[in-house]
């Protein structure tokens, strides 16, 4: 089964956001989309993706989680509510973008919304500071009972602190504090392990979206389907 679709709602928050996430859709800039595969260049085969979610109350704290939190205790972590664009974050993203070896958005605006546009989502961000300087940022959208990570970026010099995983743990902290049910980190790619860090919260609790019998009416399972 191969599929791809995009919606352009005027607003996507609260229950609507929860509803679409639960059916295998995911935010993309100021749209929300669903797909079964990544479609690359003509000479590259399409790659199967598997959408993930976690039931927040079932995520157990692991020793690896505690180590990451301890490593980052020395930094100041501030919630931007709501998220707004800034030159500081643009500069941080530029440094991050120059360091990555995979496809990524060319700017924070391209990943979220252009400055002159409105935002259809309820968007927050964690910003990590070292002596006042922003060194990592994690942007996420919020529904009524669900939230989804959108973009994580950081100064590559701070890679030893596992900033991507730390930002996931902080986003999970936000969900728990507000009694939310579901955390959506995006997808993993079949046969490509670069996205597998999203499984570190717990392979025993993560759920995979199975689009059968129909992409709009699938179900969540404990292991990926075909």
Protein backbone atom coordinates (compact mmCIF):
# COMPACT_ATOMS: atom_id res chain seq x y z
CA UNK A 1 0.00 0.00 0.00
CA UNK A 2 1.51 3.30 -1.12
CA UNK A 3 -0.14 6.64 -0.40
CA UNK A 4 0.50 10.35 0.12
CA UNK A 5 -1.91 13.20 0.89
CA UNK A 6 -1.81 16.78 2.22
CA UNK A 7 -4.40 18.98 3.90
CA UNK A 8 -4.27 22.78 4.25
CA UNK A 9 -6.61 23.62 7.15
CA UNK A 10 -7.22 27.21 8.20
CA UNK A 11 -6.55 26.16 11.78
CA UNK A 12 -5.23 22.91 13.30
CA UNK A 13 -5.32 22.80 17.06
CA UNK A 14 -7.09 21.06 19.91
CA UNK A 15 -9.22 18.07 19.03
CA UNK A 16 -8.63 18.40 15.28
CA UNK A 17 -4.90 18.05 15.81
CA UNK A 18 -5.41 15.04 18.09
CA UNK A 19 -7.75 13.43 15.56
CA UNK A 20 -5.38 13.74 12.62
CA UNK A 21 -2.29 12.62 14.53
CA UNK A 22 -4.18 9.52 15.66
CA UNK A 23 -4.82 8.64 12.01
CA UNK A 24 -1.24 8.81 10.85
CA UNK A 25 -1.09 12.48 9.77
CA UNK A 26 1.74 14.80 10.77
CA UNK A 27 2.43 18.56 10.62
CA UNK A 28 4.57 19.86 7.77
CA UNK A 29 5.09 23.64 7.83
CA UNK A 30 1.55 25.10 7.59
CA UNK A 31 0.00 21.92 6.26
CA UNK A 32 -0.58 18.44 7.65
CA UNK A 33 0.27 15.37 5.61
CA UNK A 34 0.34 11.60 5.59
CA UNK A 35 2.46 9.17 3.62
CA UNK A 36 3.58 5.57 3.53
CA UNK A 37 6.92 6.19 1.83
CA UNK A 38 9.65 8.73 1.26
CA UNK A 39 9.78 9.41 -2.45
CA UNK A 40 13.30 10.39 -3.54
CA UNK A 41 14.94 10.90 -6.90
CA UNK A 42 13.91 8.87 -9.91
CA UNK A 43 16.88 6.51 -9.56
CA UNK A 44 16.17 5.87 -5.88
CA UNK A 45 13.51 3.46 -4.62
CA UNK A 46 10.76 4.77 -2.36
CA UNK A 47 11.51 4.03 1.29
CA UNK A 48 8.83 2.78 3.68
CA UNK A 49 8.22 4.92 6.75
CA UNK A 50 6.54 4.00 10.01
CA UNK A 51 4.77 6.67 12.07
CA UNK A 52 5.35 6.49 15.82
CA UNK A 53 3.57 7.48 18.99
CA UNK A 54 4.00 6.88 22.70
CA UNK A 55 1.33 6.57 25.41
CA UNK A 56 2.73 9.13 27.83
CA UNK A 57 1.69 7.37 31.04
CA UNK A 58 3.41 4.11 30.00
CA UNK A 59 6.85 5.57 29.30
CA UNK A 60 9.12 4.33 32.08
CA UNK A 61 12.10 6.42 33.16
CA UNK A 62 15.30 4.60 32.22
CA UNK A 63 18.85 4.97 33.48
CA UNK A 64 19.83 6.41 30.08
CA UNK A 65 17.14 9.08 30.45
CA UNK A 66 18.44 10.07 33.88
CA UNK A 67 22.00 10.32 32.57
CA UNK A 68 20.92 12.69 29.79
CA UNK A 69 18.96 14.85 32.22
CA UNK A 70 21.91 15.03 34.62
CA UNK A 71 24.31 16.01 31.82
CA UNK A 72 22.09 18.98 30.96
CA UNK A 73 21.40 20.19 34.51
CA UNK A 74 24.17 22.77 34.16
CA UNK A 75 22.26 24.58 31.42
CA UNK A 76 19.22 26.83 31.64
CA UNK A 77 16.18 25.42 29.79
CA UNK A 78 13.36 27.89 29.08
CA UNK A 79 9.92 27.30 27.56
CA UNK A 80 8.89 29.71 24.79
CA UNK A 81 5.09 29.76 24.97
CA UNK A 82 4.19 30.51 22.28
CA UNK A 83 7.13 29.92 20.00
CA UNK A 84 8.17 33.01 18.05
CA UNK A 85 10.90 33.50 15.48
CA UNK A 86 14.10 35.27 16.51
CA UNK A 87 17.45 36.13 14.97
CA UNK A 88 19.13 34.21 17.77
CA UNK A 89 17.43 30.95 16.83
CA UNK A 90 17.99 31.59 13.12
CA UNK A 91 21.72 31.90 13.78
CA UNK A 92 21.76 28.74 15.88
CA UNK A 93 19.92 26.84 13.15
CA UNK A 94 22.36 28.07 10.51
CA UNK A 95 25.26 26.58 12.50
CA UNK A 96 23.33 23.33 12.94
CA UNK A 97 22.29 23.12 9.27
CA UNK A 98 25.89 23.50 8.09
CA UNK A 99 26.84 20.48 10.22
CA UNK A 100 24.23 17.92 9.18
CA UNK A 101 24.74 15.26 6.53
CA UNK A 102 21.08 14.60 5.70
CA UNK A 103 18.28 16.54 4.07
CA UNK A 104 16.86 19.26 6.29
CA UNK A 105 14.87 22.45 6.12
CA UNK A 106 17.01 25.41 5.01
CA UNK A 107 15.69 27.60 7.83
CA UNK A 108 13.51 27.61 10.93
CA UNK A 109 10.87 29.54 8.98
CA UNK A 110 10.70 26.86 6.29
CA UNK A 111 10.16 24.22 8.97
CA UNK A 112 7.42 26.15 10.81
CA UNK A 113 5.89 29.27 9.28
CA UNK A 114 7.10 32.36 7.46
CA UNK A 115 7.34 35.43 9.66
CA UNK A 116 4.71 37.31 7.69
CA UNK A 117 2.25 34.39 7.90
CA UNK A 118 -0.08 33.34 10.66
CA UNK A 119 0.43 30.01 12.40
CA UNK A 120 -2.34 27.39 12.21
CA UNK A 121 -0.80 25.43 15.10
CA UNK A 122 -0.37 25.98 18.83
CA UNK A 123 3.43 25.97 18.91
CA UNK A 124 5.87 25.95 21.84
CA UNK A 125 9.64 25.59 22.08
CA UNK A 126 12.25 24.58 24.60
CA UNK A 127 15.42 26.69 24.37
CA UNK A 128 18.58 25.52 26.12
CA UNK A 129 21.10 28.22 27.12
CA UNK A 130 24.70 28.02 28.23
CA UNK A 131 25.69 31.23 30.01
CA UNK A 132 22.88 33.05 28.25
CA UNK A 133 23.66 31.78 24.73
CA UNK A 134 21.12 29.56 22.96
CA UNK A 135 22.75 26.18 22.22
CA UNK A 136 19.72 23.97 21.49
CA UNK A 137 16.05 24.33 20.59
CA UNK A 138 13.14 21.92 20.34
CA UNK A 139 9.91 23.08 18.67
CA UNK A 140 6.62 21.21 19.14
CA UNK A 141 2.92 21.60 18.37
CA UNK A 142 0.23 21.00 20.98
CA UNK A 143 -3.30 19.65 20.71
CA UNK A 144 -5.79 18.93 23.47
CA UNK A 145 -4.43 15.52 24.50
CA UNK A 146 -1.49 15.09 22.13
CA UNK A 147 1.70 16.85 21.12
CA UNK A 148 4.19 16.35 18.30
CA UNK A 149 7.85 17.30 17.96
CA UNK A 150 8.54 19.35 14.85
CA UNK A 151 12.16 20.45 14.81
CA UNK A 152 15.22 19.95 17.01
CA UNK A 153 18.47 21.76 16.35
CA UNK A 154 21.60 22.55 18.32
CA UNK A 155 25.17 23.79 18.23
CA UNK A 156 27.17 20.73 17.10
CA UNK A 157 29.80 21.51 19.74
CA UNK A 158 27.22 20.39 22.31
CA UNK A 159 26.55 17.03 20.67
CA UNK A 160 28.14 15.17 23.59
CA UNK A 161 25.23 16.30 25.77
CA UNK A 162 22.69 14.44 23.57
CA UNK A 163 20.63 17.61 23.01
CA UNK A 164 18.12 15.97 20.65
CA UNK A 165 17.21 13.31 23.19
CA UNK A 166 17.23 15.87 25.99
CA UNK A 167 14.71 18.00 24.11
CA UNK A 168 12.50 14.94 23.64
CA UNK A 169 12.63 14.31 27.40
CA UNK A 170 11.71 17.95 28.10
CA UNK A 171 8.80 17.73 25.67
CA UNK A 172 7.66 14.56 27.43
CA UNK A 173 7.94 16.47 30.72
CA UNK A 174 5.60 19.12 29.28
CA UNK A 175 3.09 16.42 28.27
CA UNK A 176 3.13 14.78 31.69
CA UNK A 177 2.72 18.05 33.56
CA UNK A 178 -0.43 18.80 31.57
CA UNK A 179 -1.95 15.34 31.68
CA UNK A 180 -1.61 14.72 27.96
CA UNK A 181 -2.06 11.20 26.59
CA UNK A 182 0.09 10.94 23.47
CA UNK A 183 3.53 11.98 22.29
CA UNK A 184 4.26 11.81 18.54
CA UNK A 185 7.96 12.04 17.54
CA UNK A 186 7.46 11.54 13.78
CA UNK A 187 8.54 8.51 11.77
CA UNK A 188 11.39 6.07 11.35
CA UNK A 189 12.59 4.85 7.96
CA UNK A 190 12.63 1.15 7.16
CA UNK A 191 16.18 0.01 6.44
CA UNK A 192 17.70 3.34 7.50
CA UNK A 193 18.62 3.80 11.15
CA UNK A 194 19.27 7.55 11.23
CA UNK A 195 15.82 8.21 12.74
CA UNK A 196 15.94 5.33 15.23
CA UNK A 197 16.93 7.68 18.07
CA UNK A 198 13.19 8.39 18.32
CA UNK A 199 12.84 4.90 19.84
CA UNK A 200 15.02 5.64 22.86
CA UNK A 201 12.00 6.46 25.04
CA UNK A 202 11.16 2.76 25.00
CA UNK A 203 10.87 0.14 22.28
CA UNK A 204 8.57 -1.75 24.65
CA UNK A 205 6.00 1.08 24.71
CA UNK A 206 6.25 2.70 21.27
CA UNK A 207 3.34 2.17 18.86
CA UNK A 208 3.44 2.04 15.05
CA UNK A 209 0.65 3.19 12.76
CA UNK A 210 -0.73 0.42 10.54
CA UNK A 211 -2.72 2.01 7.67
CA UNK A 212 -4.67 -1.16 6.95
CA UNK A 213 -7.44 -1.58 5.94
CA UNK A 214 -7.35 2.07 4.83
CA UNK A 215 -4.92 4.93 5.58
CA UNK A 216 -7.75 7.02 7.08
CA UNK A 217 -8.93 4.20 9.30
CA UNK A 218 -5.86 2.27 10.44
CA UNK A 219 -4.76 1.24 13.91
CA UNK A 220 -1.74 1.46 16.20
CA UNK A 221 0.29 -1.67 16.91
CA UNK A 222 3.29 -2.72 18.99
CA UNK A 223 5.40 -3.51 15.91
CA UNK A 224 5.53 -2.12 12.36
CA UNK A 225 3.35 -3.65 9.67
CA UNK A 226 4.15 -4.19 6.00
